[in-house]
N, C-alpha and C. Protein backbone atom coordinates (compact mmCIF):
# COMPACT_ATOMS: atom_id res chain seq x y z
N MET A 1 0.84 -1.18 0.00
CA MET A 1 0.00 0.00 0.00
C MET A 1 0.88 1.24 0.00
N SER A 2 0.39 2.26 -0.65
CA SER A 2 1.10 3.53 -0.64
C SER A 2 0.79 4.28 0.65
N GLY A 3 1.53 5.34 0.88
CA GLY A 3 1.30 6.14 2.07
C GLY A 3 -0.09 6.73 2.12
N SER A 4 -0.59 7.19 0.99
CA SER A 4 -1.93 7.79 0.96
C SER A 4 -3.01 6.72 1.19
N GLU A 5 -2.79 5.53 0.68
CA GLU A 5 -3.75 4.44 0.91
C GLU A 5 -3.77 4.06 2.40
N LEU A 6 -2.59 4.02 3.00
CA LEU A 6 -2.52 3.72 4.44
C LEU A 6 -3.23 4.79 5.26
N ARG A 7 -3.04 6.05 4.89
CA ARG A 7 -3.70 7.14 5.62
C ARG A 7 -5.22 7.03 5.49
N ASP A 8 -5.69 6.62 4.31
CA ASP A 8 -7.13 6.42 4.11
C ASP A 8 -7.66 5.31 5.02
N VAL A 9 -6.93 4.21 5.10
CA VAL A 9 -7.33 3.08 5.94
C VAL A 9 -7.33 3.50 7.41
N ILE A 10 -6.31 4.25 7.82
CA ILE A 10 -6.23 4.73 9.19
C ILE A 10 -7.44 5.61 9.51
N ALA A 11 -7.80 6.49 8.59
CA ALA A 11 -8.96 7.36 8.80
C ALA A 11 -10.24 6.55 8.94
N ILE A 12 -10.38 5.49 8.16
CA ILE A 12 -11.56 4.62 8.24
C ILE A 12 -11.61 3.95 9.60
N TYR A 13 -10.47 3.41 10.06
CA TYR A 13 -10.42 2.77 11.38
C TYR A 13 -10.73 3.75 12.50
N ARG A 14 -10.20 4.97 12.40
CA ARG A 14 -10.47 5.98 13.43
C ARG A 14 -11.95 6.34 13.47
N GLU A 15 -12.57 6.44 12.31
CA GLU A 15 -14.00 6.76 12.25
C GLU A 15 -14.83 5.62 12.84
N LYS A 16 -14.48 4.39 12.50
CA LYS A 16 -15.20 3.24 13.07
C LYS A 16 -15.03 3.18 14.59
N ALA A 17 -13.82 3.51 15.06
CA ALA A 17 -13.57 3.53 16.50
C ALA A 17 -14.41 4.62 17.17
N ARG A 18 -14.51 5.77 16.52
CA ARG A 18 -15.31 6.86 17.08
C ARG A 18 -16.77 6.46 17.19
N LYS A 19 -17.29 5.82 16.14
CA LYS A 19 -18.68 5.37 16.17
C LYS A 19 -18.92 4.32 17.25
N ALA A 20 -17.98 3.40 17.39
CA ALA A 20 -18.11 2.36 18.42
C ALA A 20 -18.08 2.99 19.81
N GLU A 21 -17.24 4.01 19.99
CA GLU A 21 -17.18 4.69 21.29
C GLU A 21 -18.50 5.40 21.58
N MET A 22 -19.07 6.03 20.57
CA MET A 22 -20.35 6.72 20.76
C MET A 22 -21.47 5.74 21.13
N LEU A 23 -21.39 4.53 20.58
CA LEU A 23 -22.39 3.51 20.87
C LEU A 23 -22.09 2.75 22.17
N GLY A 24 -20.94 3.02 22.75
CA GLY A 24 -20.58 2.36 24.00
C GLY A 24 -20.07 0.94 23.84
N ILE A 25 -19.61 0.59 22.65
CA ILE A 25 -19.09 -0.76 22.40
C ILE A 25 -17.57 -0.70 22.59
N VAL A 26 -17.15 -0.91 23.82
CA VAL A 26 -15.76 -0.69 24.20
C VAL A 26 -14.81 -1.65 23.48
N ASN A 27 -15.16 -2.92 23.40
CA ASN A 27 -14.25 -3.88 22.78
C ASN A 27 -14.04 -3.58 21.30
N GLU A 28 -15.09 -3.18 20.60
CA GLU A 28 -14.97 -2.83 19.18
C GLU A 28 -14.12 -1.56 19.02
N TYR A 29 -14.32 -0.61 19.92
CA TYR A 29 -13.52 0.62 19.92
C TYR A 29 -12.04 0.29 20.05
N GLU A 30 -11.69 -0.59 20.99
CA GLU A 30 -10.30 -0.96 21.21
C GLU A 30 -9.69 -1.67 19.99
N VAL A 31 -10.48 -2.52 19.35
CA VAL A 31 -10.00 -3.25 18.17
C VAL A 31 -9.65 -2.26 17.06
N TYR A 32 -10.52 -1.31 16.77
CA TYR A 32 -10.26 -0.35 15.70
C TYR A 32 -9.12 0.59 16.05
N GLN A 33 -8.99 0.96 17.32
CA GLN A 33 -7.86 1.79 17.73
C GLN A 33 -6.54 1.05 17.49
N ARG A 34 -6.53 -0.24 17.84
CA ARG A 34 -5.32 -1.05 17.67
C ARG A 34 -5.01 -1.23 16.18
N LYS A 35 -6.03 -1.45 15.36
CA LYS A 35 -5.80 -1.59 13.92
C LYS A 35 -5.21 -0.32 13.33
N ALA A 36 -5.71 0.83 13.76
CA ALA A 36 -5.18 2.11 13.28
C ALA A 36 -3.72 2.27 13.72
N LEU A 37 -3.43 1.88 14.94
CA LEU A 37 -2.07 1.98 15.46
C LEU A 37 -1.10 1.11 14.67
N ILE A 38 -1.51 -0.09 14.35
CA ILE A 38 -0.65 -0.99 13.55
C ILE A 38 -0.47 -0.42 12.15
N ALA A 39 -1.54 0.08 11.54
CA ALA A 39 -1.44 0.66 10.20
C ALA A 39 -0.49 1.86 10.21
N GLU A 40 -0.55 2.68 11.26
CA GLU A 40 0.36 3.83 11.37
C GLU A 40 1.82 3.38 11.45
N SER A 41 2.05 2.21 11.99
CA SER A 41 3.42 1.70 12.11
C SER A 41 4.06 1.44 10.76
N TYR A 42 3.24 1.16 9.75
CA TYR A 42 3.77 0.96 8.40
C TYR A 42 4.25 2.27 7.78
N LEU A 43 3.87 3.40 8.35
CA LEU A 43 4.33 4.70 7.87
C LEU A 43 5.66 5.10 8.49
N VAL A 44 6.10 4.36 9.51
CA VAL A 44 7.37 4.64 10.18
C VAL A 44 8.48 3.83 9.51
N ASN A 45 9.58 4.50 9.20
CA ASN A 45 10.72 3.82 8.60
C ASN A 45 11.50 3.09 9.71
N PRO A 46 11.59 1.77 9.65
CA PRO A 46 12.31 1.02 10.70
C PRO A 46 13.78 1.43 10.83
N ASP A 47 14.36 1.97 9.75
CA ASP A 47 15.75 2.40 9.80
C ASP A 47 15.94 3.64 10.68
N ASP A 48 14.84 4.35 10.99
CA ASP A 48 14.91 5.52 11.86
C ASP A 48 14.98 5.14 13.34
N ILE A 49 14.76 3.87 13.65
CA ILE A 49 14.80 3.38 15.03
C ILE A 49 16.21 2.87 15.32
N THR A 50 16.80 3.38 16.39
CA THR A 50 18.16 2.99 16.78
C THR A 50 18.09 1.95 17.89
N VAL A 51 18.69 0.79 17.62
CA VAL A 51 18.73 -0.28 18.62
C VAL A 51 19.60 0.18 19.78
N GLY A 52 19.12 -0.06 20.99
CA GLY A 52 19.84 0.34 22.20
C GLY A 52 19.43 1.70 22.72
N LYS A 53 18.66 2.43 21.95
CA LYS A 53 18.23 3.77 22.36
C LYS A 53 16.93 3.69 23.17
N VAL A 54 16.75 4.65 24.05
CA VAL A 54 15.54 4.75 24.85
C VAL A 54 14.64 5.81 24.22
N TYR A 55 13.38 5.43 23.96
CA TYR A 55 12.41 6.33 23.35
C TYR A 55 11.26 6.58 24.32
N ARG A 56 10.74 7.78 24.26
CA ARG A 56 9.51 8.08 25.00
C ARG A 56 8.35 7.46 24.24
N MET A 57 7.39 6.92 24.97
CA MET A 57 6.23 6.28 24.33
C MET A 57 5.10 7.30 24.19
N ILE A 58 4.51 7.35 23.02
CA ILE A 58 3.41 8.25 22.73
C ILE A 58 2.14 7.73 23.40
N GLY A 59 1.39 8.63 23.98
CA GLY A 59 0.11 8.26 24.56
C GLY A 59 0.16 7.81 26.00
N THR A 60 1.34 7.71 26.56
CA THR A 60 1.46 7.34 27.97
C THR A 60 2.35 8.37 28.65
N GLU A 61 1.97 8.74 29.83
CA GLU A 61 2.71 9.78 30.53
C GLU A 61 3.97 9.20 31.18
N ASP A 62 5.09 9.78 30.87
CA ASP A 62 6.39 9.40 31.45
C ASP A 62 6.71 7.93 31.31
N ALA A 63 6.41 7.35 30.16
CA ALA A 63 6.76 5.95 29.90
C ALA A 63 7.86 5.93 28.83
N TYR A 64 8.88 5.13 29.09
CA TYR A 64 10.01 5.04 28.17
C TYR A 64 10.26 3.58 27.82
N PHE A 65 10.79 3.38 26.60
CA PHE A 65 10.98 2.03 26.08
C PHE A 65 12.39 1.94 25.49
N LYS A 66 13.14 0.93 25.93
CA LYS A 66 14.48 0.68 25.39
C LYS A 66 14.36 -0.38 24.31
N VAL A 67 14.77 -0.02 23.10
CA VAL A 67 14.66 -0.92 21.94
C VAL A 67 15.85 -1.86 21.91
N GLU A 68 15.56 -3.15 21.91
CA GLU A 68 16.59 -4.18 21.79
C GLU A 68 16.74 -4.67 20.35
N ARG A 69 15.62 -4.69 19.63
CA ARG A 69 15.65 -5.08 18.21
C ARG A 69 14.37 -4.61 17.54
N VAL A 70 14.43 -4.54 16.21
CA VAL A 70 13.26 -4.16 15.41
C VAL A 70 12.99 -5.30 14.46
N LYS A 71 11.74 -5.72 14.44
CA LYS A 71 11.34 -6.79 13.52
C LYS A 71 10.01 -6.38 12.90
N GLY A 72 10.04 -6.14 11.60
CA GLY A 72 8.82 -5.70 10.91
C GLY A 72 8.42 -4.31 11.39
N VAL A 73 7.19 -4.18 11.84
CA VAL A 73 6.69 -2.89 12.31
C VAL A 73 6.60 -2.85 13.83
N PHE A 74 7.37 -3.73 14.49
CA PHE A 74 7.38 -3.77 15.95
C PHE A 74 8.80 -3.57 16.48
N ALA A 75 8.88 -2.84 17.58
CA ALA A 75 10.14 -2.70 18.32
C ALA A 75 10.04 -3.63 19.53
N TRP A 76 11.08 -4.40 19.74
CA TRP A 76 11.11 -5.33 20.87
C TRP A 76 12.12 -4.83 21.88
N GLY A 77 11.72 -4.87 23.14
CA GLY A 77 12.60 -4.40 24.19
C GLY A 77 11.89 -4.37 25.52
N PHE A 78 12.25 -3.39 26.35
CA PHE A 78 11.76 -3.34 27.72
C PHE A 78 11.30 -1.93 28.07
N ARG A 79 10.22 -1.84 28.84
CA ARG A 79 9.80 -0.56 29.39
C ARG A 79 10.69 -0.24 30.58
N LEU A 80 11.10 0.99 30.67
CA LEU A 80 11.89 1.41 31.83
C LEU A 80 10.96 1.55 33.01
N ASN A 81 11.41 1.10 34.15
CA ASN A 81 10.61 1.10 35.39
C ASN A 81 9.33 0.29 35.24
N GLY A 82 9.36 -0.68 34.37
CA GLY A 82 8.19 -1.53 34.17
C GLY A 82 8.51 -2.97 34.53
N GLU A 83 7.70 -3.87 34.02
CA GLU A 83 7.94 -5.29 34.23
C GLU A 83 9.26 -5.68 33.57
N ALA A 84 9.86 -6.73 34.05
CA ALA A 84 11.17 -7.15 33.56
C ALA A 84 11.09 -8.10 32.38
N TYR A 85 9.96 -8.12 31.68
CA TYR A 85 9.85 -9.03 30.54
C TYR A 85 9.89 -8.24 29.23
N GLU A 86 10.41 -8.91 28.20
CA GLU A 86 10.50 -8.29 26.89
C GLU A 86 9.12 -8.24 26.24
N GLU A 87 8.85 -7.14 25.54
CA GLU A 87 7.58 -7.01 24.84
C GLU A 87 7.81 -6.32 23.50
N GLY A 88 6.87 -6.51 22.61
CA GLY A 88 6.90 -5.85 21.32
C GLY A 88 5.82 -4.79 21.26
N ILE A 89 6.20 -3.61 20.78
CA ILE A 89 5.22 -2.54 20.63
C ILE A 89 5.29 -2.01 19.20
N PRO A 90 4.17 -1.52 18.67
CA PRO A 90 4.18 -0.95 17.32
C PRO A 90 5.13 0.25 17.24
N LEU A 91 5.81 0.38 16.11
CA LEU A 91 6.75 1.48 15.93
C LEU A 91 6.08 2.84 16.08
N SER A 92 4.81 2.92 15.78
CA SER A 92 4.11 4.20 15.85
C SER A 92 3.96 4.70 17.29
N LEU A 93 4.23 3.86 18.28
CA LEU A 93 4.16 4.30 19.68
C LEU A 93 5.45 4.98 20.17
N LEU A 94 6.50 4.91 19.36
CA LEU A 94 7.78 5.50 19.77
C LEU A 94 7.86 6.95 19.32
N GLN A 95 8.22 7.83 20.24
CA GLN A 95 8.40 9.24 19.93
C GLN A 95 9.76 9.41 19.28
N LEU A 96 9.78 9.64 17.97
CA LEU A 96 11.05 9.83 17.25
C LEU A 96 11.48 11.27 17.38
N ASP A 97 12.80 11.48 17.41
CA ASP A 97 13.34 12.85 17.47
C ASP A 97 13.00 13.56 16.17
N GLN A 98 12.58 14.78 16.30
CA GLN A 98 12.20 15.55 15.11
C GLN A 98 13.37 16.33 14.58
């Protein structure tokens, strides 16, 4: 998909999530939010992510993530001051330096 096609799909997912939220269907809202988040990750260049670097996480207050490796559209590593297990998060959750 091209960047514009991905943006169109993201907009569709966001609209569906908004409608589900208005109807009070929480699980459907969460599914569409997650789909939009994954789609946004395809717009992030994995080469812009530096292994070993600590990134601030978007959407969470004072949460940081240390990247151990990048595979596809996910960064694998550990949350700072979090659980001691490795997890994968979508690249779109990482605050990249502008």
